Amino acid sequence: MTQADIDLVRRDIREIELRLETKISDIKYDLVKWIAGMLLAQAGLVAALVKLL
């Protein structure tokens, strides 16, 4: 392998890292949305149960 080949592989790896960072960021955002929604649903369920008892 020449130095040019090594540089090309490094560039490809960096591009893959950037795409993965973007995907991980998107997944974190979606996870926070789901957790917030479940928290509200759980609070509503607990409020309904307390009202029934």
C-alpha atoms as a PDB file:
ATOM      1  CA  MET A   1       0.000   0.000   0.000  1.00  0.00           C
ATOM      2  CA  THR A   2       1.164   3.457  -0.781  1.00  0.00           C
ATOM      3  CA  GLN A   3       0.710   6.550   1.335  1.00  0.00           C
ATOM      4  CA  ALA A   4      -2.061   7.682  -1.026  1.00  0.00           C
ATOM      5  CA  ASP A   5      -3.951   4.437  -0.388  1.00  0.00           C
ATOM      6  CA  ILE A   6      -3.578   4.871   3.339  1.00  0.00           C
ATOM      7  CA  ASP A   7      -4.835   8.458   3.134  1.00  0.00           C
ATOM      8  CA  LEU A   8      -7.831   7.294   1.092  1.00  0.00           C
ATOM      9  CA  VAL A   9      -8.712   4.648   3.676  1.00  0.00           C
ATOM     10  CA  ARG A  10      -8.363   7.197   6.479  1.00  0.00           C
ATOM     11  CA  ARG A  11     -10.678   9.585   4.632  1.00  0.00           C
ATOM     12  CA  ASP A  12     -13.232   6.822   4.119  1.00  0.00           C
ATOM     13  CA  ILE A  13     -13.099   5.891   7.792  1.00  0.00           C
ATOM     14  CA  ARG A  14     -13.594   9.525   8.810  1.00  0.00           C
ATOM     15  CA  GLU A  15     -16.653   9.814   6.535  1.00  0.00           C
ATOM     16  CA  ILE A  16     -18.110   6.688   8.102  1.00  0.00           C
ATOM     17  CA  GLU A  17     -17.444   8.085  11.584  1.00  0.00           C
ATOM     18  CA  LEU A  18     -19.276  11.299  10.717  1.00  0.00           C
ATOM     19  CA  ARG A  19     -22.283   9.390   9.390  1.00  0.00           C
ATOM     20  CA  LEU A  20     -22.372   7.220  12.508  1.00  0.00           C
ATOM     21  CA  GLU A  21     -22.176  10.278  14.766  1.00  0.00           C
ATOM     22  CA  THR A  22     -25.154  11.770  12.927  1.00  0.00           C
ATOM     23  CA  LYS A  23     -27.169   8.554  13.231  1.00  0.00           C
ATOM     24  CA  ILE A  24     -26.335   8.205  16.924  1.00  0.00           C
ATOM     25  CA  SER A  25     -27.417  11.798  17.511  1.00  0.00           C
ATOM     26  CA  ASP A  26     -30.735  11.143  15.746  1.00  0.00           C
ATOM     27  CA  ILE A  27     -31.311   7.997  17.785  1.00  0.00           C
ATOM     28  CA  LYS A  28     -30.603   9.858  21.033  1.00  0.00           C
ATOM     29  CA  TYR A  29     -33.167  12.505  20.079  1.00  0.00           C
ATOM     30  CA  ASP A  30     -35.794   9.863  19.271  1.00  0.00           C
ATOM     31  CA  LEU A  31     -35.061   8.047  22.526  1.00  0.00           C
ATOM     32  CA  VAL A  32     -35.549  11.223  24.565  1.00  0.00           C
ATOM     33  CA  LYS A  33     -38.891  11.822  22.810  1.00  0.00           C
ATOM     34  CA  TRP A  34     -40.055   8.294  23.641  1.00  0.00           C
ATOM     35  CA  ILE A  35     -38.936   8.554  27.260  1.00  0.00           C
ATOM     36  CA  ALA A  36     -40.728  11.894  27.684  1.00  0.00           C
ATOM     37  CA  GLY A  37     -43.895  10.429  26.168  1.00  0.00           C
ATOM     38  CA  MET A  38     -43.779   7.372  28.412  1.00  0.00           C
ATOM     39  CA  LEU A  39     -43.195   9.594  31.436  1.00  0.00           C
ATOM     40  CA  LEU A  40     -46.332  11.591  30.638  1.00  0.00           C
ATOM     41  CA  ALA A  41     -48.334   8.416  29.995  1.00  0.00           C
ATOM     42  CA  GLN A  42     -47.172   6.917  33.281  1.00  0.00           C
ATOM     43  CA  ALA A  43     -48.059  10.092  35.161  1.00  0.00           C
ATOM     44  CA  GLY A  44     -51.528  10.034  33.592  1.00  0.00           C
ATOM     45  CA  LEU A  45     -51.995   6.390  34.511  1.00  0.00           C
ATOM     46  CA  VAL A  46     -50.946   6.989  38.102  1.00  0.00           C
ATOM     47  CA  ALA A  47     -53.275  10.004  38.344  1.00  0.00           C
ATOM     48  CA  ALA A  48     -56.166   7.918  36.994  1.00  0.00           C
ATOM     49  CA  LEU A  49     -55.458   5.104  39.444  1.00  0.00           C
ATOM     50  CA  VAL A  50     -55.257   7.506  42.373  1.00  0.00           C
ATOM     51  CA  LYS A  51     -58.564   9.051  41.350  1.00  0.00           C
ATOM     52  CA  LEU A  52     -60.208   5.620  41.202  1.00  0.00           C
ATOM     53  CA  LEU A  53     -58.970   4.643  44.635  1.00  0.00           C
END
